Amino acid sequence: MEQIDYDVDEFMDYCTSKNLATKTIGSYEQTLRLFTQYLKEKYKVKSAGDTEELHIREYIKYLQERGKYTVARIKEIKHSRKVVGFIDDINFNKLLKCFDLSKFHEYRDYIISLLIFDTGMRLGETLLIKESDIDFAKRTTLTHVK
């Protein structure tokens, strides 16, 4: 037995510990055993960590040629994350000055903007806050996560 076989065994133990259905576990095991056999024969892969995206794509093509598997389109794996922009202090102050605080809806939006920027709360969490969630004495707010 090679390392890749132990890797499959370990994954199957994990599936069992997660209380997956017996049929699901059996299906996973059969699929993984066939895949590892393919990897060992065609690419001489010895460990699950040595498996590359190309191996998976080639295996799917192999299955499709045999009429065993159909996939409309496999999505590309994301390689990098987009850098989230930020707002500097000058532009943040300009933004806050845009609100007309004499109008209720703009004052409300001003408070929401401050709360989001000061706490990092998401908009959905902010909008779920009720008056009873605010403790004015302790200056705290209870947030609800969806």
N, C-alpha and C. Protein backbone atom coordinates (compact mmCIF):
# COMPACT_ATOMS: atom_id res chain seq x y z
N MET A 1 0.83 -1.19 0.00
CA MET A 1 0.00 0.00 0.00
C MET A 1 0.88 1.25 0.00
N GLU A 2 0.47 2.23 -0.79
CA GLU A 2 1.22 3.47 -0.89
C GLU A 2 0.54 4.55 -0.06
N GLN A 3 1.20 5.68 0.06
CA GLN A 3 0.69 6.78 0.88
C GLN A 3 -0.69 7.24 0.42
N ILE A 4 -0.91 7.25 -0.89
CA ILE A 4 -2.21 7.72 -1.40
C ILE A 4 -3.35 6.83 -0.91
N ASP A 5 -3.08 5.53 -0.73
CA ASP A 5 -4.10 4.63 -0.20
C ASP A 5 -4.42 4.96 1.25
N TYR A 6 -3.38 5.30 2.01
CA TYR A 6 -3.59 5.72 3.40
C TYR A 6 -4.36 7.04 3.46
N ASP A 7 -4.07 7.93 2.48
CA ASP A 7 -4.78 9.21 2.42
C ASP A 7 -6.28 8.98 2.19
N VAL A 8 -6.61 8.04 1.32
CA VAL A 8 -8.02 7.73 1.06
C VAL A 8 -8.65 7.13 2.32
N ASP A 9 -7.92 6.22 2.97
CA ASP A 9 -8.42 5.62 4.21
C ASP A 9 -8.71 6.69 5.26
N GLU A 10 -7.80 7.65 5.37
CA GLU A 10 -7.97 8.73 6.34
C GLU A 10 -9.21 9.56 6.01
N PHE A 11 -9.42 9.84 4.71
CA PHE A 11 -10.59 10.61 4.31
C PHE A 11 -11.86 9.83 4.59
N MET A 12 -11.83 8.53 4.37
CA MET A 12 -13.01 7.70 4.62
C MET A 12 -13.32 7.67 6.12
N ASP A 13 -12.29 7.63 6.97
CA ASP A 13 -12.50 7.71 8.41
C ASP A 13 -13.15 9.04 8.79
N TYR A 14 -12.69 10.12 8.13
CA TYR A 14 -13.26 11.44 8.37
C TYR A 14 -14.74 11.45 7.99
N CYS A 15 -15.07 10.87 6.83
CA CYS A 15 -16.48 10.82 6.39
C CYS A 15 -17.33 10.05 7.39
N THR A 16 -16.78 8.96 7.91
CA THR A 16 -17.50 8.17 8.91
C THR A 16 -17.72 8.98 10.18
N SER A 17 -16.69 9.74 10.59
CA SER A 17 -16.82 10.55 11.81
C SER A 17 -17.84 11.67 11.64
N LYS A 18 -18.10 12.10 10.40
CA LYS A 18 -19.08 13.15 10.13
C LYS A 18 -20.49 12.57 9.99
N ASN A 19 -20.62 11.25 10.23
CA ASN A 19 -21.91 10.56 10.16
C ASN A 19 -22.59 10.70 8.80
N LEU A 20 -21.81 10.61 7.73
CA LEU A 20 -22.40 10.63 6.40
C LEU A 20 -23.15 9.33 6.17
N ALA A 21 -24.09 9.36 5.26
CA ALA A 21 -24.88 8.17 4.95
C ALA A 21 -23.97 7.06 4.42
N THR A 22 -24.34 5.82 4.72
CA THR A 22 -23.53 4.67 4.31
C THR A 22 -23.36 4.63 2.80
N LYS A 23 -24.43 4.92 2.05
CA LYS A 23 -24.34 4.92 0.59
C LYS A 23 -23.39 6.02 0.09
N THR A 24 -23.44 7.16 0.74
CA THR A 24 -22.56 8.27 0.37
C THR A 24 -21.11 7.86 0.58
N ILE A 25 -20.82 7.29 1.73
CA ILE A 25 -19.45 6.86 2.04
C ILE A 25 -19.00 5.81 1.04
N GLY A 26 -19.89 4.87 0.72
CA GLY A 26 -19.54 3.83 -0.25
C GLY A 26 -19.25 4.41 -1.62
N SER A 27 -20.06 5.38 -2.02
CA SER A 27 -19.86 6.03 -3.32
C SER A 27 -18.54 6.79 -3.35
N TYR A 28 -18.25 7.54 -2.28
CA TYR A 28 -16.98 8.27 -2.20
C TYR A 28 -15.81 7.30 -2.28
N GLU A 29 -15.90 6.22 -1.53
CA GLU A 29 -14.77 5.28 -1.49
C GLU A 29 -14.54 4.65 -2.85
N GLN A 30 -15.61 4.20 -3.50
CA GLN A 30 -15.46 3.58 -4.81
C GLN A 30 -14.84 4.56 -5.81
N THR A 31 -15.35 5.78 -5.82
CA THR A 31 -14.84 6.80 -6.74
C THR A 31 -13.38 7.11 -6.47
N LEU A 32 -13.02 7.28 -5.19
CA LEU A 32 -11.64 7.60 -4.84
C LEU A 32 -10.69 6.45 -5.12
N ARG A 33 -11.11 5.23 -4.89
CA ARG A 33 -10.25 4.07 -5.18
C ARG A 33 -9.96 3.97 -6.67
N LEU A 34 -11.00 4.18 -7.50
CA LEU A 34 -10.79 4.16 -8.95
C LEU A 34 -9.86 5.30 -9.40
N PHE A 35 -10.07 6.46 -8.81
CA PHE A 35 -9.24 7.61 -9.14
C PHE A 35 -7.79 7.39 -8.73
N THR A 36 -7.57 6.86 -7.53
CA THR A 36 -6.19 6.62 -7.08
C THR A 36 -5.51 5.56 -7.95
N GLN A 37 -6.27 4.56 -8.38
CA GLN A 37 -5.70 3.54 -9.27
C GLN A 37 -5.24 4.18 -10.57
N TYR A 38 -6.08 5.07 -11.11
CA TYR A 38 -5.73 5.80 -12.34
C TYR A 38 -4.47 6.65 -12.12
N LEU A 39 -4.44 7.37 -11.00
CA LEU A 39 -3.28 8.23 -10.71
C LEU A 39 -2.00 7.41 -10.58
N LYS A 40 -2.07 6.28 -9.93
CA LYS A 40 -0.88 5.45 -9.74
C LYS A 40 -0.40 4.87 -11.06
N GLU A 41 -1.34 4.42 -11.90
CA GLU A 41 -0.95 3.79 -13.16
C GLU A 41 -0.45 4.79 -14.19
N LYS A 42 -1.17 5.89 -14.35
CA LYS A 42 -0.84 6.84 -15.42
C LYS A 42 0.22 7.87 -15.02
N TYR A 43 0.17 8.36 -13.79
CA TYR A 43 1.07 9.45 -13.40
C TYR A 43 2.05 9.07 -12.30
N LYS A 44 1.99 7.85 -11.82
CA LYS A 44 2.89 7.37 -10.75
C LYS A 44 2.79 8.23 -9.49
N VAL A 45 1.58 8.71 -9.20
CA VAL A 45 1.34 9.54 -8.02
C VAL A 45 1.39 8.65 -6.78
N LYS A 46 2.13 9.08 -5.77
CA LYS A 46 2.29 8.28 -4.57
C LYS A 46 1.54 8.84 -3.36
N SER A 47 1.15 10.13 -3.44
CA SER A 47 0.48 10.79 -2.32
C SER A 47 -0.61 11.71 -2.86
N ALA A 48 -1.67 11.89 -2.08
CA ALA A 48 -2.76 12.77 -2.51
C ALA A 48 -2.26 14.20 -2.74
N GLY A 49 -1.26 14.61 -1.99
CA GLY A 49 -0.70 15.95 -2.14
C GLY A 49 0.01 16.16 -3.46
N ASP A 50 0.37 15.07 -4.14
CA ASP A 50 1.05 15.17 -5.43
C ASP A 50 0.08 15.31 -6.60
N THR A 51 -1.21 15.20 -6.32
CA THR A 51 -2.22 15.31 -7.37
C THR A 51 -2.31 16.75 -7.84
N GLU A 52 -2.34 16.92 -9.16
CA GLU A 52 -2.41 18.26 -9.74
C GLU A 52 -3.74 18.44 -10.46
N GLU A 53 -4.07 19.67 -10.74
CA GLU A 53 -5.31 19.98 -11.45
C GLU A 53 -5.37 19.25 -12.78
N LEU A 54 -4.24 19.18 -13.48
CA LEU A 54 -4.16 18.50 -14.77
C LEU A 54 -4.59 17.03 -14.64
N HIS A 55 -4.16 16.38 -13.56
CA HIS A 55 -4.52 14.97 -13.35
C HIS A 55 -6.03 14.80 -13.25
N ILE A 56 -6.66 15.69 -12.53
CA ILE A 56 -8.12 15.62 -12.35
C ILE A 56 -8.83 15.84 -13.68
N ARG A 57 -8.38 16.85 -14.43
CA ARG A 57 -9.00 17.14 -15.72
C ARG A 57 -8.82 15.96 -16.68
N GLU A 58 -7.65 15.37 -16.70
CA GLU A 58 -7.39 14.23 -17.58
C GLU A 58 -8.23 13.03 -17.17
N TYR A 59 -8.42 12.84 -15.88
CA TYR A 59 -9.24 11.72 -15.41
C TYR A 59 -10.70 11.91 -15.82
N ILE A 60 -11.19 13.13 -15.73
CA ILE A 60 -12.57 13.41 -16.15
C ILE A 60 -12.72 13.16 -17.65
N LYS A 61 -11.72 13.57 -18.45
CA LYS A 61 -11.76 13.30 -19.89
C LYS A 61 -11.78 11.80 -20.15
N TYR A 62 -10.95 11.08 -19.41
CA TYR A 62 -10.88 9.63 -19.53
C TYR A 62 -12.25 9.00 -19.24
N LEU A 63 -12.91 9.46 -18.18
CA LEU A 63 -14.23 8.94 -17.84
C LEU A 63 -15.26 9.30 -18.89
N GLN A 64 -15.18 10.53 -19.42
CA GLN A 64 -16.13 10.95 -20.45
C GLN A 64 -15.98 10.10 -21.71
N GLU A 65 -14.74 9.79 -22.07
CA GLU A 65 -14.50 8.95 -23.25
C GLU A 65 -15.11 7.57 -23.07
N ARG A 66 -15.14 7.10 -21.84
CA ARG A 66 -15.72 5.79 -21.55
C ARG A 66 -17.22 5.88 -21.31
N GLY A 67 -17.78 7.11 -21.38
CA GLY A 67 -19.21 7.29 -21.19
C GLY A 67 -19.66 7.17 -19.75
N LYS A 68 -18.74 7.35 -18.82
CA LYS A 68 -19.05 7.17 -17.40
C LYS A 68 -19.35 8.46 -16.66
N TYR A 69 -18.98 9.58 -17.25
CA TYR A 69 -19.08 10.82 -16.49
C TYR A 69 -19.32 11.95 -17.47
N THR A 70 -20.24 12.83 -17.14
CA THR A 70 -20.48 13.99 -17.99
C THR A 70 -20.45 15.25 -17.14
N VAL A 71 -19.76 16.22 -17.64
CA VAL A 71 -19.67 17.52 -16.99
C VAL A 71 -19.81 18.57 -18.07
N ALA A 72 -20.71 19.51 -17.84
CA ALA A 72 -20.91 20.56 -18.84
C ALA A 72 -19.68 21.47 -18.91
N ARG A 73 -19.22 21.90 -17.77
CA ARG A 73 -18.07 22.80 -17.73
C ARG A 73 -17.48 22.78 -16.33
N ILE A 74 -16.18 22.67 -16.26
CA ILE A 74 -15.49 22.70 -14.97
C ILE A 74 -14.95 24.11 -14.79
N LYS A 75 -15.29 24.72 -13.68
CA LYS A 75 -14.84 26.08 -13.42
C LYS A 75 -13.34 26.09 -13.14
N GLU A 76 -12.72 27.17 -13.52
CA GLU A 76 -11.30 27.35 -13.25
C GLU A 76 -11.10 27.61 -11.75
N ILE A 77 -10.02 27.11 -11.24
CA ILE A 77 -9.69 27.35 -9.84
C ILE A 77 -9.16 28.77 -9.71
N LYS A 78 -9.66 29.50 -8.71
CA LYS A 78 -9.19 30.86 -8.49
C LYS A 78 -7.78 30.81 -7.93
N HIS A 79 -6.89 31.57 -8.53
CA HIS A 79 -5.50 31.56 -8.09
C HIS A 79 -5.14 32.73 -7.19
N SER A 80 -5.82 33.83 -7.39
CA SER A 80 -5.48 34.99 -6.56
C SER A 80 -6.76 35.71 -6.16
N ARG A 81 -6.66 36.42 -5.08
CA ARG A 81 -7.81 37.17 -4.60
C ARG A 81 -7.66 38.63 -5.00
N LYS A 82 -8.80 39.26 -5.19
CA LYS A 82 -8.79 40.67 -5.51
C LYS A 82 -8.45 41.46 -4.26
N VAL A 83 -7.66 42.48 -4.43
CA VAL A 83 -7.32 43.36 -3.32
C VAL A 83 -8.49 44.29 -3.08
N VAL A 84 -8.95 44.33 -1.85
CA VAL A 84 -10.06 45.20 -1.51
C VAL A 84 -9.52 46.61 -1.32
N GLY A 85 -10.16 47.55 -1.97
CA GLY A 85 -9.74 48.93 -1.84
C GLY A 85 -10.13 49.50 -0.48
N PHE A 86 -9.58 50.62 -0.15
CA PHE A 86 -9.91 51.25 1.12
C PHE A 86 -10.11 52.73 0.87
N ILE A 87 -10.73 53.36 1.83
CA ILE A 87 -10.97 54.79 1.72
C ILE A 87 -10.08 55.49 2.75
N ASP A 88 -9.34 56.47 2.31
CA ASP A 88 -8.44 57.17 3.24
C ASP A 88 -9.23 58.18 4.07
N ASP A 89 -8.59 58.73 5.08
CA ASP A 89 -9.26 59.64 6.02
C ASP A 89 -9.85 60.87 5.33
N ILE A 90 -9.13 61.41 4.38
CA ILE A 90 -9.60 62.62 3.70
C ILE A 90 -10.89 62.34 2.94
N ASN A 91 -10.90 61.26 2.17
CA ASN A 91 -12.11 60.93 1.41
C ASN A 91 -13.25 60.47 2.32
N PHE A 92 -12.91 59.83 3.43
CA PHE A 92 -13.95 59.42 4.38
C PHE A 92 -14.64 60.65 4.97
N ASN A 93 -13.86 61.65 5.33
CA ASN A 93 -14.44 62.89 5.87
C ASN A 93 -15.27 63.61 4.82
N LYS A 94 -14.81 63.58 3.56
CA LYS A 94 -15.59 64.19 2.48
C LYS A 94 -16.93 63.47 2.33
N LEU A 95 -16.89 62.14 2.43
CA LEU A 95 -18.11 61.35 2.33
C LEU A 95 -19.10 61.72 3.43
N LEU A 96 -18.62 61.84 4.66
CA LEU A 96 -19.50 62.16 5.78
C LEU A 96 -20.09 63.56 5.65
N LYS A 97 -19.36 64.47 5.04
CA LYS A 97 -19.86 65.84 4.87
C LYS A 97 -20.93 65.93 3.78
N CYS A 98 -21.08 64.88 2.97
CA CYS A 98 -22.09 64.88 1.91
C CYS A 98 -23.51 64.71 2.45
N PHE A 99 -23.62 64.17 3.66
CA PHE A 99 -24.95 63.94 4.24
C PHE A 99 -25.55 65.23 4.76
N ASP A 100 -26.82 65.46 4.44
CA ASP A 100 -27.56 66.60 4.98
C ASP A 100 -28.23 66.13 6.27
N LEU A 101 -27.63 66.46 7.41
CA LEU A 101 -28.08 65.94 8.69
C LEU A 101 -29.41 66.54 9.16
N SER A 102 -29.94 67.50 8.42
CA SER A 102 -31.24 68.07 8.79
C SER A 102 -32.39 67.21 8.26
N LYS A 103 -32.09 66.25 7.37
CA LYS A 103 -33.10 65.35 6.83
C LYS A 103 -32.96 63.99 7.52
N PHE A 104 -34.10 63.44 7.94
CA PHE A 104 -34.07 62.20 8.71
C PHE A 104 -33.35 61.07 7.98
N HIS A 105 -33.72 60.81 6.71
CA HIS A 105 -33.15 59.67 5.99
C HIS A 105 -31.65 59.83 5.77
N GLU A 106 -31.17 61.04 5.61
CA GLU A 106 -29.73 61.22 5.43
C GLU A 106 -29.00 61.13 6.76
N TYR A 107 -29.64 61.59 7.84
CA TYR A 107 -29.05 61.42 9.17
C TYR A 107 -28.94 59.93 9.51
N ARG A 108 -30.02 59.18 9.20
CA ARG A 108 -30.01 57.73 9.42
C ARG A 108 -28.87 57.08 8.64
N ASP A 109 -28.71 57.45 7.37
CA ASP A 109 -27.65 56.88 6.54
C ASP A 109 -26.27 57.28 7.06
N TYR A 110 -26.16 58.47 7.60
CA TYR A 110 -24.90 58.94 8.20
C TYR A 110 -24.52 58.06 9.39
N ILE A 111 -25.50 57.79 10.26
CA ILE A 111 -25.26 56.94 11.44
C ILE A 111 -24.89 55.53 11.01
N ILE A 112 -25.61 54.99 10.02
CA ILE A 112 -25.31 53.65 9.52
C ILE A 112 -23.88 53.61 8.94
N SER A 113 -23.53 54.62 8.18
CA SER A 113 -22.17 54.67 7.60
C SER A 113 -21.11 54.70 8.69
N LEU A 114 -21.31 55.52 9.71
CA LEU A 114 -20.35 55.57 10.82
C LEU A 114 -20.24 54.22 11.51
N LEU A 115 -21.37 53.60 11.75
CA LEU A 115 -21.38 52.30 12.44
C LEU A 115 -20.64 51.24 11.63
N ILE A 116 -20.89 51.21 10.33
CA ILE A 116 -20.22 50.23 9.47
C ILE A 116 -18.72 50.48 9.43
N PHE A 117 -18.32 51.73 9.24
CA PHE A 117 -16.89 52.03 9.13
C PHE A 117 -16.17 51.89 10.46
N ASP A 118 -16.82 52.24 11.55
CA ASP A 118 -16.17 52.15 12.87
C ASP A 118 -16.07 50.72 13.39
N THR A 119 -17.05 49.88 13.07
CA THR A 119 -17.05 48.54 13.65
C THR A 119 -16.67 47.44 12.67
N GLY A 120 -16.79 47.70 11.37
CA GLY A 120 -16.54 46.66 10.38
C GLY A 120 -17.74 45.74 10.20
N MET A 121 -18.87 46.14 10.77
CA MET A 121 -20.10 45.36 10.65
C MET A 121 -20.54 45.32 9.19
N ARG A 122 -21.18 44.24 8.82
CA ARG A 122 -21.76 44.15 7.48
C ARG A 122 -23.08 44.92 7.46
N LEU A 123 -23.50 45.30 6.28
CA LEU A 123 -24.73 46.07 6.15
C LEU A 123 -25.93 45.28 6.69
N GLY A 124 -26.01 43.99 6.35
CA GLY A 124 -27.12 43.16 6.82
C GLY A 124 -27.18 43.09 8.34
N GLU A 125 -26.01 42.97 8.98
CA GLU A 125 -25.96 42.94 10.45
C GLU A 125 -26.41 44.28 11.02
N THR A 126 -25.99 45.35 10.38
CA THR A 126 -26.34 46.68 10.85
C THR A 126 -27.84 46.92 10.76
N LEU A 127 -28.44 46.48 9.68
CA LEU A 127 -29.87 46.72 9.47
C LEU A 127 -30.74 45.86 10.38
N LEU A 128 -30.18 44.80 10.97
CA LEU A 128 -30.95 43.95 11.89
C LEU A 128 -30.98 44.48 13.32
N ILE A 129 -30.21 45.52 13.60
CA ILE A 129 -30.15 46.06 14.96
C ILE A 129 -31.48 46.73 15.31
N LYS A 130 -31.99 46.39 16.50
CA LYS A 130 -33.21 47.01 17.02
C LYS A 130 -32.83 47.88 18.21
N GLU A 131 -33.73 48.72 18.60
CA GLU A 131 -33.46 49.61 19.74
C GLU A 131 -33.15 48.80 20.99
N SER A 132 -33.81 47.67 21.16
CA SER A 132 -33.57 46.82 22.35
C SER A 132 -32.18 46.18 22.35
N ASP A 133 -31.50 46.18 21.19
CA ASP A 133 -30.15 45.61 21.09
C ASP A 133 -29.07 46.59 21.56
N ILE A 134 -29.44 47.82 21.79
CA ILE A 134 -28.47 48.85 22.17
C ILE A 134 -28.52 49.06 23.68
N ASP A 135 -27.36 48.96 24.32
CA ASP A 135 -27.24 49.24 25.75
C ASP A 135 -26.53 50.59 25.88
N PHE A 136 -27.30 51.66 26.11
CA PHE A 136 -26.75 53.00 26.14
C PHE A 136 -25.84 53.22 27.35
N ALA A 137 -26.14 52.55 28.47
CA ALA A 137 -25.34 52.70 29.68
C ALA A 137 -23.94 52.14 29.48
N LYS A 138 -23.86 50.97 28.85
CA LYS A 138 -22.55 50.33 28.64
C LYS A 138 -21.93 50.68 27.29
N ARG A 139 -22.69 51.41 26.46
CA ARG A 139 -22.25 51.82 25.13
C ARG A 139 -21.88 50.62 24.28
N THR A 140 -22.78 49.61 24.27
CA THR A 140 -22.58 48.40 23.49
C THR A 140 -23.79 48.12 22.63
N THR A 141 -23.56 47.32 21.60
CA THR A 141 -24.64 46.93 20.69
C THR A 141 -24.57 45.43 20.49
N LEU A 142 -25.70 44.77 20.55
CA LEU A 142 -25.79 43.35 20.28
C LEU A 142 -26.04 43.18 18.80
N THR A 143 -25.23 42.37 18.14
CA THR A 143 -25.42 42.16 16.70
C THR A 143 -25.96 40.78 16.44
N HIS A 144 -26.73 40.64 15.40
CA HIS A 144 -27.32 39.37 14.99
C HIS A 144 -26.69 38.95 13.69
N VAL A 145 -26.18 37.74 13.66
CA VAL A 145 -25.55 37.21 12.44
C VAL A 145 -26.54 36.29 11.75
N LYS A 146 -26.68 36.47 10.45
CA LYS A 146 -27.60 35.60 9.69
C LYS A 146 -27.00 34.23 9.54
